[in-house]
Amino acid sequence: MTQPLIDVQHLSVSFQTDDGVVEAVKDVSFSILPGETVAIVGESGSGKSVSSLAIMGLLPRPPARIDGGEILFRTRGGQVVNLLKQGEGPCSASVATKSP
């Protein structure tokens, strides 16, 4: 049986705002198998982008806070790593803006 490449279990993410805490993602779970193509669809504001940013370790902290869950990644060697226990996340990224 093929094991998931990414296994998101009970992910919950919130944002601290001036008006209080906003729960952006609540108890989301899904798995992605190697070679599988996945499309995450939903209404505007349903948490698609926040879930994806959490997986990549690119949530702005603060104001974002991961309140619970696991994001498990299976390495090429078969080791399972909880990406939420890797500090700021598995990815390192920078943003370059282009002036018109």
PDB file of N, CA and C in Angstrom:
ATOM      1  N   MET A   1       0.833  -1.185   0.000  1.00  0.00           N
ATOM      2  CA  MET A   1       0.000   0.000   0.000  1.00  0.00           C
ATOM      3  C   MET A   1       0.877   1.248   0.000  1.00  0.00           C
ATOM      4  N   THR A   2       0.562   2.212  -0.857  1.00  0.00           N
ATOM      5  CA  THR A   2       1.321   3.445  -0.960  1.00  0.00           C
ATOM      6  C   THR A   2       1.023   4.351   0.236  1.00  0.00           C
ATOM      7  N   GLN A   3       2.080   4.873   0.820  1.00  0.00           N
ATOM      8  CA  GLN A   3       1.951   5.777   1.968  1.00  0.00           C
ATOM      9  C   GLN A   3       1.840   7.226   1.479  1.00  0.00           C
ATOM     10  N   PRO A   4       1.110   8.081   2.194  1.00  0.00           N
ATOM     11  CA  PRO A   4       0.979   9.483   1.782  1.00  0.00           C
ATOM     12  C   PRO A   4       2.328  10.203   1.772  1.00  0.00           C
ATOM     13  N   LEU A   5       2.497  11.080   0.803  1.00  0.00           N
ATOM     14  CA  LEU A   5       3.658  11.966   0.768  1.00  0.00           C
ATOM     15  C   LEU A   5       3.460  13.079   1.791  1.00  0.00           C
ATOM     16  N   ILE A   6       2.254  13.644   1.806  1.00  0.00           N
ATOM     17  CA  ILE A   6       1.874  14.659   2.790  1.00  0.00           C
ATOM     18  C   ILE A   6       0.573  14.209   3.435  1.00  0.00           C
ATOM     19  N   ASP A   7       0.546  14.268   4.746  1.00  0.00           N
ATOM     20  CA  ASP A   7      -0.632  13.870   5.506  1.00  0.00           C
ATOM     21  C   ASP A   7      -0.960  14.990   6.497  1.00  0.00           C
ATOM     22  N   VAL A   8      -1.987  15.766   6.195  1.00  0.00           N
ATOM     23  CA  VAL A   8      -2.422  16.868   7.058  1.00  0.00           C
ATOM     24  C   VAL A   8      -3.539  16.336   7.942  1.00  0.00           C
ATOM     25  N   GLN A   9      -3.357  16.445   9.257  1.00  0.00           N
ATOM     26  CA  GLN A   9      -4.325  15.903  10.201  1.00  0.00           C
ATOM     27  C   GLN A   9      -4.763  16.975  11.202  1.00  0.00           C
ATOM     28  N   HIS A  10      -6.050  17.296  11.179  1.00  0.00           N
ATOM     29  CA  HIS A  10      -6.682  18.180  12.170  1.00  0.00           C
ATOM     30  C   HIS A  10      -5.999  19.544  12.282  1.00  0.00           C
ATOM     31  N   LEU A  11      -5.617  20.123  11.137  1.00  0.00           N
ATOM     32  CA  LEU A  11      -4.954  21.423  11.119  1.00  0.00           C
ATOM     33  C   LEU A  11      -5.936  22.531  11.496  1.00  0.00           C
ATOM     34  N   SER A  12      -5.527  23.368  12.433  1.00  0.00           N
ATOM     35  CA  SER A  12      -6.307  24.541  12.821  1.00  0.00           C
ATOM     36  C   SER A  12      -5.370  25.740  12.877  1.00  0.00           C
ATOM     37  N   VAL A  13      -5.773  26.841  12.227  1.00  0.00           N
ATOM     38  CA  VAL A  13      -4.969  28.061  12.166  1.00  0.00           C
ATOM     39  C   VAL A  13      -5.858  29.246  12.492  1.00  0.00           C
ATOM     40  N   SER A  14      -5.341  30.164  13.307  1.00  0.00           N
ATOM     41  CA  SER A  14      -6.090  31.376  13.625  1.00  0.00           C
ATOM     42  C   SER A  14      -5.194  32.598  13.424  1.00  0.00           C
ATOM     43  N   PHE A  15      -5.834  33.753  13.364  1.00  0.00           N
ATOM     44  CA  PHE A  15      -5.123  35.022  13.232  1.00  0.00           C
ATOM     45  C   PHE A  15      -5.588  35.955  14.333  1.00  0.00           C
ATOM     46  N   GLN A  16      -4.639  36.626  14.966  1.00  0.00           N
ATOM     47  CA  GLN A  16      -4.966  37.640  15.957  1.00  0.00           C
ATOM     48  C   GLN A  16      -5.198  38.948  15.215  1.00  0.00           C
ATOM     49  N   THR A  17      -6.363  39.565  15.430  1.00  0.00           N
ATOM     50  CA  THR A  17      -6.687  40.844  14.809  1.00  0.00           C
ATOM     51  C   THR A  17      -7.015  41.855  15.900  1.00  0.00           C
ATOM     52  N   ASP A  18      -7.185  43.098  15.517  1.00  0.00           N
ATOM     53  CA  ASP A  18      -7.578  44.133  16.477  1.00  0.00           C
ATOM     54  C   ASP A  18      -8.939  43.837  17.093  1.00  0.00           C
ATOM     55  N   ASP A  19      -9.776  43.089  16.368  1.00  0.00           N
ATOM     56  CA  ASP A  19     -11.114  42.754  16.849  1.00  0.00           C
ATOM     57  C   ASP A  19     -11.164  41.406  17.566  1.00  0.00           C
ATOM     58  N   GLY A  20     -10.035  40.749  17.727  1.00  0.00           N
ATOM     59  CA  GLY A  20     -10.002  39.450  18.391  1.00  0.00           C
ATOM     60  C   GLY A  20      -9.405  38.380  17.504  1.00  0.00           C
ATOM     61  N   VAL A  21      -9.655  37.132  17.852  1.00  0.00           N
ATOM     62  CA  VAL A  21      -9.092  35.991  17.134  1.00  0.00           C
ATOM     63  C   VAL A  21     -10.067  35.534  16.050  1.00  0.00           C
ATOM     64  N   VAL A  22      -9.520  35.290  14.845  1.00  0.00           N
ATOM     65  CA  VAL A  22     -10.306  34.771  13.725  1.00  0.00           C
ATOM     66  C   VAL A  22      -9.800  33.364  13.414  1.00  0.00           C
ATOM     67  N   GLU A  23     -10.683  32.385  13.450  1.00  0.00           N
ATOM     68  CA  GLU A  23     -10.323  31.012  13.093  1.00  0.00           C
ATOM     69  C   GLU A  23     -10.396  30.877  11.578  1.00  0.00           C
ATOM     70  N   ALA A  24      -9.238  30.798  10.931  1.00  0.00           N
ATOM     71  CA  ALA A  24      -9.191  30.737   9.472  1.00  0.00           C
ATOM     72  C   ALA A  24      -9.328  29.308   8.958  1.00  0.00           C
ATOM     73  N   VAL A  25      -8.772  28.355   9.678  1.00  0.00           N
ATOM     74  CA  VAL A  25      -8.833  26.936   9.316  1.00  0.00           C
ATOM     75  C   VAL A  25      -9.146  26.174  10.596  1.00  0.00           C
ATOM     76  N   LYS A  26     -10.131  25.285  10.524  1.00  0.00           N
ATOM     77  CA  LYS A  26     -10.523  24.546  11.730  1.00  0.00           C
ATOM     78  C   LYS A  26     -10.666  23.061  11.415  1.00  0.00           C
ATOM     79  N   ASP A  27      -9.756  22.260  11.978  1.00  0.00           N
ATOM     80  CA  ASP A  27      -9.819  20.801  11.929  1.00  0.00           C
ATOM     81  C   ASP A  27      -9.842  20.238  10.500  1.00  0.00           C
ATOM     82  N   VAL A  28      -8.907  20.690   9.662  1.00  0.00           N
ATOM     83  CA  VAL A  28      -8.811  20.234   8.271  1.00  0.00           C
ATOM     84  C   VAL A  28      -7.871  19.032   8.189  1.00  0.00           C
ATOM     85  N   SER A  29      -8.301  18.000   7.476  1.00  0.00           N
ATOM     86  CA  SER A  29      -7.474  16.812   7.273  1.00  0.00           C
ATOM     87  C   SER A  29      -7.552  16.367   5.813  1.00  0.00           C
ATOM     88  N   PHE A  30      -6.411  16.001   5.242  1.00  0.00           N
ATOM     89  CA  PHE A  30      -6.357  15.404   3.911  1.00  0.00           C
ATOM     90  C   PHE A  30      -4.984  14.785   3.707  1.00  0.00           C
ATOM     91  N   SER A  31      -4.880  13.882   2.751  1.00  0.00           N
ATOM     92  CA  SER A  31      -3.614  13.237   2.414  1.00  0.00           C
ATOM     93  C   SER A  31      -3.356  13.380   0.926  1.00  0.00           C
ATOM     94  N   ILE A  32      -2.073  13.433   0.575  1.00  0.00           N
ATOM     95  CA  ILE A  32      -1.657  13.496  -0.828  1.00  0.00           C
ATOM     96  C   ILE A  32      -0.667  12.364  -1.061  1.00  0.00           C
ATOM     97  N   LEU A  33      -0.991  11.490  -2.006  1.00  0.00           N
ATOM     98  CA  LEU A  33      -0.118  10.365  -2.341  1.00  0.00           C
ATOM     99  C   LEU A  33       0.947  10.800  -3.341  1.00  0.00           C
ATOM    100  N   PRO A  34       2.091  10.106  -3.380  1.00  0.00           N
ATOM    101  CA  PRO A  34       3.124  10.431  -4.365  1.00  0.00           C
ATOM    102  C   PRO A  34       2.558  10.365  -5.788  1.00  0.00           C
ATOM    103  N   GLY A  35       2.866  11.373  -6.590  1.00  0.00           N
ATOM    104  CA  GLY A  35       2.416  11.426  -7.973  1.00  0.00           C
ATOM    105  C   GLY A  35       0.989  11.905  -8.151  1.00  0.00           C
ATOM    106  N   GLU A  36       0.284  12.104  -7.074  1.00  0.00           N
ATOM    107  CA  GLU A  36      -1.114  12.520  -7.141  1.00  0.00           C
ATOM    108  C   GLU A  36      -1.202  14.032  -7.352  1.00  0.00           C
ATOM    109  N   THR A  37      -2.152  14.450  -8.165  1.00  0.00           N
ATOM    110  CA  THR A  37      -2.446  15.864  -8.358  1.00  0.00           C
ATOM    111  C   THR A  37      -3.688  16.188  -7.557  1.00  0.00           C
ATOM    112  N   VAL A  38      -3.595  17.248  -6.753  1.00  0.00           N
ATOM    113  CA  VAL A  38      -4.695  17.611  -5.865  1.00  0.00           C
ATOM    114  C   VAL A  38      -5.089  19.057  -6.115  1.00  0.00           C
ATOM    115  N   ALA A  39      -6.378  19.292  -6.172  1.00  0.00           N
ATOM    116  CA  ALA A  39      -6.901  20.659  -6.267  1.00  0.00           C
ATOM    117  C   ALA A  39      -7.717  20.917  -5.008  1.00  0.00           C
ATOM    118  N   ILE A  40      -7.399  21.999  -4.327  1.00  0.00           N
ATOM    119  CA  ILE A  40      -8.168  22.388  -3.151  1.00  0.00           C
ATOM    120  C   ILE A  40      -9.120  23.487  -3.596  1.00  0.00           C
ATOM    121  N   VAL A  41     -10.404  23.213  -3.483  1.00  0.00           N
ATOM    122  CA  VAL A  41     -11.416  24.168  -3.930  1.00  0.00           C
ATOM    123  C   VAL A  41     -12.320  24.538  -2.765  1.00  0.00           C
ATOM    124  N   GLY A  42     -12.895  25.715  -2.856  1.00  0.00           N
ATOM    125  CA  GLY A  42     -13.816  26.165  -1.823  1.00  0.00           C
ATOM    126  C   GLY A  42     -14.168  27.618  -2.035  1.00  0.00           C
ATOM    127  N   GLU A  43     -15.097  28.063  -1.246  1.00  0.00           N
ATOM    128  CA  GLU A  43     -15.539  29.449  -1.332  1.00  0.00           C
ATOM    129  C   GLU A  43     -14.434  30.387  -0.894  1.00  0.00           C
ATOM    130  N   SER A  44     -14.553  31.640  -1.275  1.00  0.00           N
ATOM    131  CA  SER A  44     -13.627  32.670  -0.842  1.00  0.00           C
ATOM    132  C   SER A  44     -13.625  32.729   0.684  1.00  0.00           C
ATOM    133  N   GLY A  45     -12.440  32.723   1.276  1.00  0.00           N
ATOM    134  CA  GLY A  45     -12.341  32.790   2.721  1.00  0.00           C
ATOM    135  C   GLY A  45     -12.478  31.461   3.433  1.00  0.00           C
ATOM    136  N   SER A  46     -12.471  30.354   2.680  1.00  0.00           N
ATOM    137  CA  SER A  46     -12.673  29.047   3.311  1.00  0.00           C
ATOM    138  C   SER A  46     -11.392  28.423   3.858  1.00  0.00           C
ATOM    139  N   GLY A  47     -10.238  29.048   3.632  1.00  0.00           N
ATOM    140  CA  GLY A  47      -8.989  28.559   4.209  1.00  0.00           C
ATOM    141  C   GLY A  47      -8.056  27.849   3.259  1.00  0.00           C
ATOM    142  N   LYS A  48      -8.326  27.917   1.948  1.00  0.00           N
ATOM    143  CA  LYS A  48      -7.468  27.224   0.974  1.00  0.00           C
ATOM    144  C   LYS A  48      -6.035  27.743   1.024  1.00  0.00           C
ATOM    145  N   SER A  49      -5.874  29.038   0.927  1.00  0.00           N
ATOM    146  CA  SER A  49      -4.531  29.633   0.916  1.00  0.00           C
ATOM    147  C   SER A  49      -3.843  29.483   2.258  1.00  0.00           C
ATOM    148  N   VAL A  50      -4.570  29.659   3.342  1.00  0.00           N
ATOM    149  CA  VAL A  50      -3.973  29.537   4.673  1.00  0.00           C
ATOM    150  C   VAL A  50      -3.483  28.111   4.901  1.00  0.00           C
ATOM    151  N   SER A  51      -4.252  27.116   4.475  1.00  0.00           N
ATOM    152  CA  SER A  51      -3.817  25.724   4.598  1.00  0.00           C
ATOM    153  C   SER A  51      -2.542  25.484   3.801  1.00  0.00           C
ATOM    154  N   SER A  52      -2.496  25.993   2.574  1.00  0.00           N
ATOM    155  CA  SER A  52      -1.313  25.811   1.720  1.00  0.00           C
ATOM    156  C   SER A  52      -0.095  26.514   2.310  1.00  0.00           C
ATOM    157  N   LEU A  53      -0.277  27.729   2.810  1.00  0.00           N
ATOM    158  CA  LEU A  53       0.838  28.469   3.420  1.00  0.00           C
ATOM    159  C   LEU A  53       1.342  27.762   4.671  1.00  0.00           C
ATOM    160  N   ALA A  54       0.438  27.157   5.423  1.00  0.00           N
ATOM    161  CA  ALA A  54       0.852  26.414   6.613  1.00  0.00           C
ATOM    162  C   ALA A  54       1.724  25.224   6.225  1.00  0.00           C
ATOM    163  N   ILE A  55       1.347  24.505   5.175  1.00  0.00           N
ATOM    164  CA  ILE A  55       2.129  23.356   4.713  1.00  0.00           C
ATOM    165  C   ILE A  55       3.532  23.794   4.301  1.00  0.00           C
ATOM    166  N   MET A  56       3.628  24.938   3.640  1.00  0.00           N
ATOM    167  CA  MET A  56       4.919  25.427   3.166  1.00  0.00           C
ATOM    168  C   MET A  56       5.721  26.142   4.246  1.00  0.00           C
ATOM    169  N   GLY A  57       5.104  26.371   5.405  1.00  0.00           N
ATOM    170  CA  GLY A  57       5.800  27.078   6.480  1.00  0.00           C
ATOM    171  C   GLY A  57       5.926  28.556   6.225  1.00  0.00           C
ATOM    172  N   LEU A  58       4.978  29.122   5.480  1.00  0.00           N
ATOM    173  CA  LEU A  58       5.073  30.525   5.081  1.00  0.00           C
ATOM    174  C   LEU A  58       4.013  31.424   5.714  1.00  0.00           C
ATOM    175  N   LEU A  59       3.365  30.964   6.765  1.00  0.00           N
ATOM    176  CA  LEU A  59       2.383  31.815   7.445  1.00  0.00           C
ATOM    177  C   LEU A  59       3.100  32.965   8.150  1.00  0.00           C
ATOM    178  N   PRO A  60       2.551  34.165   8.079  1.00  0.00           N
ATOM    179  CA  PRO A  60       3.170  35.293   8.792  1.00  0.00           C
ATOM    180  C   PRO A  60       2.900  35.165  10.299  1.00  0.00           C
ATOM    181  N   ARG A  61       3.972  34.963  11.072  1.00  0.00           N
ATOM    182  CA  ARG A  61       3.809  34.796  12.526  1.00  0.00           C
ATOM    183  C   ARG A  61       4.554  35.880  13.262  1.00  0.00           C
ATOM    184  N   PRO A  62       3.914  36.640  14.125  1.00  0.00           N
ATOM    185  CA  PRO A  62       2.465  36.819  14.167  1.00  0.00           C
ATOM    186  C   PRO A  62       1.987  37.553  12.923  1.00  0.00           C
ATOM    187  N   PRO A  63       0.731  37.621  12.662  1.00  0.00           N
ATOM    188  CA  PRO A  63      -0.446  37.366  13.486  1.00  0.00           C
ATOM    189  C   PRO A  63      -0.975  35.935  13.414  1.00  0.00           C
ATOM    190  N   ALA A  64      -0.454  35.111  12.489  1.00  0.00           N
ATOM    191  CA  ALA A  64      -0.972  33.736  12.357  1.00  0.00           C
ATOM    192  C   ALA A  64      -0.465  32.865  13.493  1.00  0.00           C
ATOM    193  N   ARG A  65      -1.299  31.897  13.867  1.00  0.00           N
ATOM    194  CA  ARG A  65      -0.923  30.946  14.909  1.00  0.00           C
ATOM    195  C   ARG A  65      -1.511  29.583  14.535  1.00  0.00           C
ATOM    196  N   ILE A  66      -0.672  28.551  14.552  1.00  0.00           N
ATOM    197  CA  ILE A  66      -1.168  27.194  14.327  1.00  0.00           C
ATOM    198  C   ILE A  66      -1.636  26.663  15.675  1.00  0.00           C
ATOM    199  N   ASP A  67      -2.930  26.420  15.767  1.00  0.00           N
ATOM    200  CA  ASP A  67      -3.545  26.039  17.035  1.00  0.00           C
ATOM    201  C   ASP A  67      -3.557  24.538  17.270  1.00  0.00           C
ATOM    202  N   GLY A  68      -3.374  23.756  16.228  1.00  0.00           N
ATOM    203  CA  GLY A  68      -3.384  22.318  16.426  1.00  0.00           C
ATOM    204  C   GLY A  68      -3.195  21.572  15.128  1.00  0.00           C
ATOM    205  N   GLY A  69      -2.964  20.282  15.270  1.00  0.00           N
ATOM    206  CA  GLY A  69      -2.840  19.414  14.114  1.00  0.00           C
ATOM    207  C   GLY A  69      -1.412  19.021  13.821  1.00  0.00           C
ATOM    208  N   GLU A  70      -1.279  18.276  12.740  1.00  0.00           N
ATOM    209  CA  GLU A  70       0.018  17.805  12.276  1.00  0.00           C
ATOM    210  C   GLU A  70       0.085  17.946  10.759  1.00  0.00           C
ATOM    211  N   ILE A  71       1.277  18.224  10.268  1.00  0.00           N
ATOM    212  CA  ILE A  71       1.549  18.188   8.832  1.00  0.00           C
ATOM    213  C   ILE A  71       2.728  17.242   8.670  1.00  0.00           C
ATOM    214  N   LEU A  72       2.434  16.009   8.255  1.00  0.00           N
ATOM    215  CA  LEU A  72       3.451  14.967   8.161  1.00  0.00           C
ATOM    216  C   LEU A  72       3.929  14.848   6.726  1.00  0.00           C
ATOM    217  N   PHE A  73       5.244  14.857   6.547  1.00  0.00           N
ATOM    218  CA  PHE A  73       5.875  14.760   5.233  1.00  0.00           C
ATOM    219  C   PHE A  73       6.771  13.541   5.210  1.00  0.00           C
ATOM    220  N   ARG A  74       6.613  12.715   4.187  1.00  0.00           N
ATOM    221  CA  ARG A  74       7.439  11.513   4.037  1.00  0.00           C
ATOM    222  C   ARG A  74       8.598  11.845   3.105  1.00  0.00           C
ATOM    223  N   THR A  75       9.832  11.712   3.602  1.00  0.00           N
ATOM    224  CA  THR A  75      11.019  12.012   2.814  1.00  0.00           C
ATOM    225  C   THR A  75      11.272  10.909   1.791  1.00  0.00           C
ATOM    226  N   ARG A  76      12.191  11.154   0.882  1.00  0.00           N
ATOM    227  CA  ARG A  76      12.540  10.132  -0.116  1.00  0.00           C
ATOM    228  C   ARG A  76      13.060   8.869   0.544  1.00  0.00           C
ATOM    229  N   GLY A  77      13.678   9.016   1.706  1.00  0.00           N
ATOM    230  CA  GLY A  77      14.186   7.863   2.434  1.00  0.00           C
ATOM    231  C   GLY A  77      13.123   7.144   3.253  1.00  0.00           C
ATOM    232  N   GLY A  78      11.903   7.672   3.254  1.00  0.00           N
ATOM    233  CA  GLY A  78      10.807   7.036   3.968  1.00  0.00           C
ATOM    234  C   GLY A  78      10.574   7.542   5.374  1.00  0.00           C
ATOM    235  N   GLN A  79      11.430   8.454   5.830  1.00  0.00           N
ATOM    236  CA  GLN A  79      11.258   9.016   7.169  1.00  0.00           C
ATOM    237  C   GLN A  79      10.067   9.967   7.172  1.00  0.00           C
ATOM    238  N   VAL A  80       9.266   9.931   8.232  1.00  0.00           N
ATOM    239  CA  VAL A  80       8.125  10.828   8.370  1.00  0.00           C
ATOM    240  C   VAL A  80       8.520  11.968   9.303  1.00  0.00           C
ATOM    241  N   VAL A  81       8.362  13.203   8.800  1.00  0.00           N
ATOM    242  CA  VAL A  81       8.747  14.393   9.547  1.00  0.00           C
ATOM    243  C   VAL A  81       7.502  15.242   9.765  1.00  0.00           C
ATOM    244  N   ASN A  82       7.281  15.686  11.008  1.00  0.00           N
ATOM    245  CA  ASN A  82       6.191  16.611  11.288  1.00  0.00           C
ATOM    246  C   ASN A  82       6.695  18.021  10.987  1.00  0.00           C
ATOM    247  N   LEU A  83       6.210  18.610   9.910  1.00  0.00           N
ATOM    248  CA  LEU A  83       6.697  19.916   9.478  1.00  0.00           C
ATOM    249  C   LEU A  83       6.421  21.013  10.494  1.00  0.00           C
ATOM    250  N   LEU A  84       5.429  20.832  11.349  1.00  0.00           N
ATOM    251  CA  LEU A  84       5.132  21.844  12.358  1.00  0.00           C
ATOM    252  C   LEU A  84       6.149  21.839  13.490  1.00  0.00           C
ATOM    253  N   LYS A  85       6.968  20.812  13.556  1.00  0.00           N
ATOM    254  CA  LYS A  85       8.006  20.732  14.591  1.00  0.00           C
ATOM    255  C   LYS A  85       9.369  21.152  14.039  1.00  0.00           C
ATOM    256  N   GLN A  86       9.384  21.730  12.844  1.00  0.00           N
ATOM    257  CA  GLN A  86      10.635  22.109  12.183  1.00  0.00           C
ATOM    258  C   GLN A  86      10.917  23.599  12.303  1.00  0.00           C
ATOM    259  N   GLY A  87      10.426  24.271  13.344  1.00  0.00           N
ATOM    260  CA  GLY A  87      10.657  25.697  13.501  1.00  0.00           C
ATOM    261  C   GLY A  87       9.717  26.487  12.623  1.00  0.00           C
ATOM    262  N   GLU A  88      10.265  27.281  11.736  1.00  0.00           N
ATOM    263  CA  GLU A  88       9.466  28.160  10.889  1.00  0.00           C
ATOM    264  C   GLU A  88       8.902  27.461   9.672  1.00  0.00           C
ATOM    265  N   GLY A  89       9.249  26.212   9.448  1.00  0.00           N
ATOM    266  CA  GLY A  89       8.693  25.482   8.320  1.00  0.00           C
ATOM    267  C   GLY A  89       9.771  24.983   7.396  1.00  0.00           C
ATOM    268  N   PRO A  90       9.400  24.148   6.448  1.00  0.00           N
ATOM    269  CA  PRO A  90      10.374  23.492   5.598  1.00  0.00           C
ATOM    270  C   PRO A  90      10.916  24.355   4.481  1.00  0.00           C
ATOM    271  N   CYS A  91      10.242  25.434   4.188  1.00  0.00           N
ATOM    272  CA  CYS A  91      10.636  26.241   3.037  1.00  0.00           C
ATOM    273  C   CYS A  91      11.301  27.525   3.479  1.00  0.00           C
ATOM    274  N   SER A  92      12.204  27.965   2.681  1.00  0.00           N
ATOM    275  CA  SER A  92      12.796  29.271   2.865  1.00  0.00           C
ATOM    276  C   SER A  92      12.449  30.069   1.622  1.00  0.00           C
ATOM    277  N   ALA A  93      11.861  31.225   1.814  1.00  0.00           N
ATOM    278  CA  ALA A  93      11.398  31.976   0.657  1.00  0.00           C
ATOM    279  C   ALA A  93      11.646  33.458   0.854  1.00  0.00           C
ATOM    280  N   SER A  94      11.754  34.135  -0.234  1.00  0.00           N
ATOM    281  CA  SER A  94      11.820  35.584  -0.199  1.00  0.00           C
ATOM    282  C   SER A  94      10.877  36.094  -1.281  1.00  0.00           C
ATOM    283  N   VAL A  95      10.477  37.330  -1.127  1.00  0.00           N
ATOM    284  CA  VAL A  95       9.551  37.933  -2.085  1.00  0.00           C
ATOM    285  C   VAL A  95      10.264  39.076  -2.778  1.00  0.00           C
ATOM    286  N   ALA A  96      10.219  39.058  -4.086  1.00  0.00           N
ATOM    287  CA  ALA A  96      10.793  40.145  -4.876  1.00  0.00           C
ATOM    288  C   ALA A  96       9.651  40.855  -5.591  1.00  0.00           C
ATOM    289  N   THR A  97       9.568  42.145  -5.387  1.00  0.00           N
ATOM    290  CA  THR A  97       8.527  42.906  -6.056  1.00  0.00           C
ATOM    291  C   THR A  97       9.123  43.614  -7.264  1.00  0.00           C
ATOM    292  N   LYS A  98       8.298  43.846  -8.260  1.00  0.00           N
ATOM    293  CA  LYS A  98       8.752  44.461  -9.486  1.00  0.00           C
ATOM    294  C   LYS A  98       8.013  45.771  -9.664  1.00  0.00           C
ATOM    295  N   SER A  99       8.758  46.839  -9.848  1.00  0.00           N
ATOM    296  CA  SER A  99       8.128  48.145 -10.067  1.00  0.00           C
ATOM    297  C   SER A  99       7.622  48.222 -11.501  1.00  0.00           C
ATOM    298  N   PRO A 100       6.496  48.904 -11.691  1.00  0.00           N
ATOM    299  CA  PRO A 100       5.972  49.019 -13.077  1.00  0.00           C
ATOM    300  C   PRO A 100       6.870  49.857 -13.957  1.00  0.00           C
TER     301      PRO A 100
END
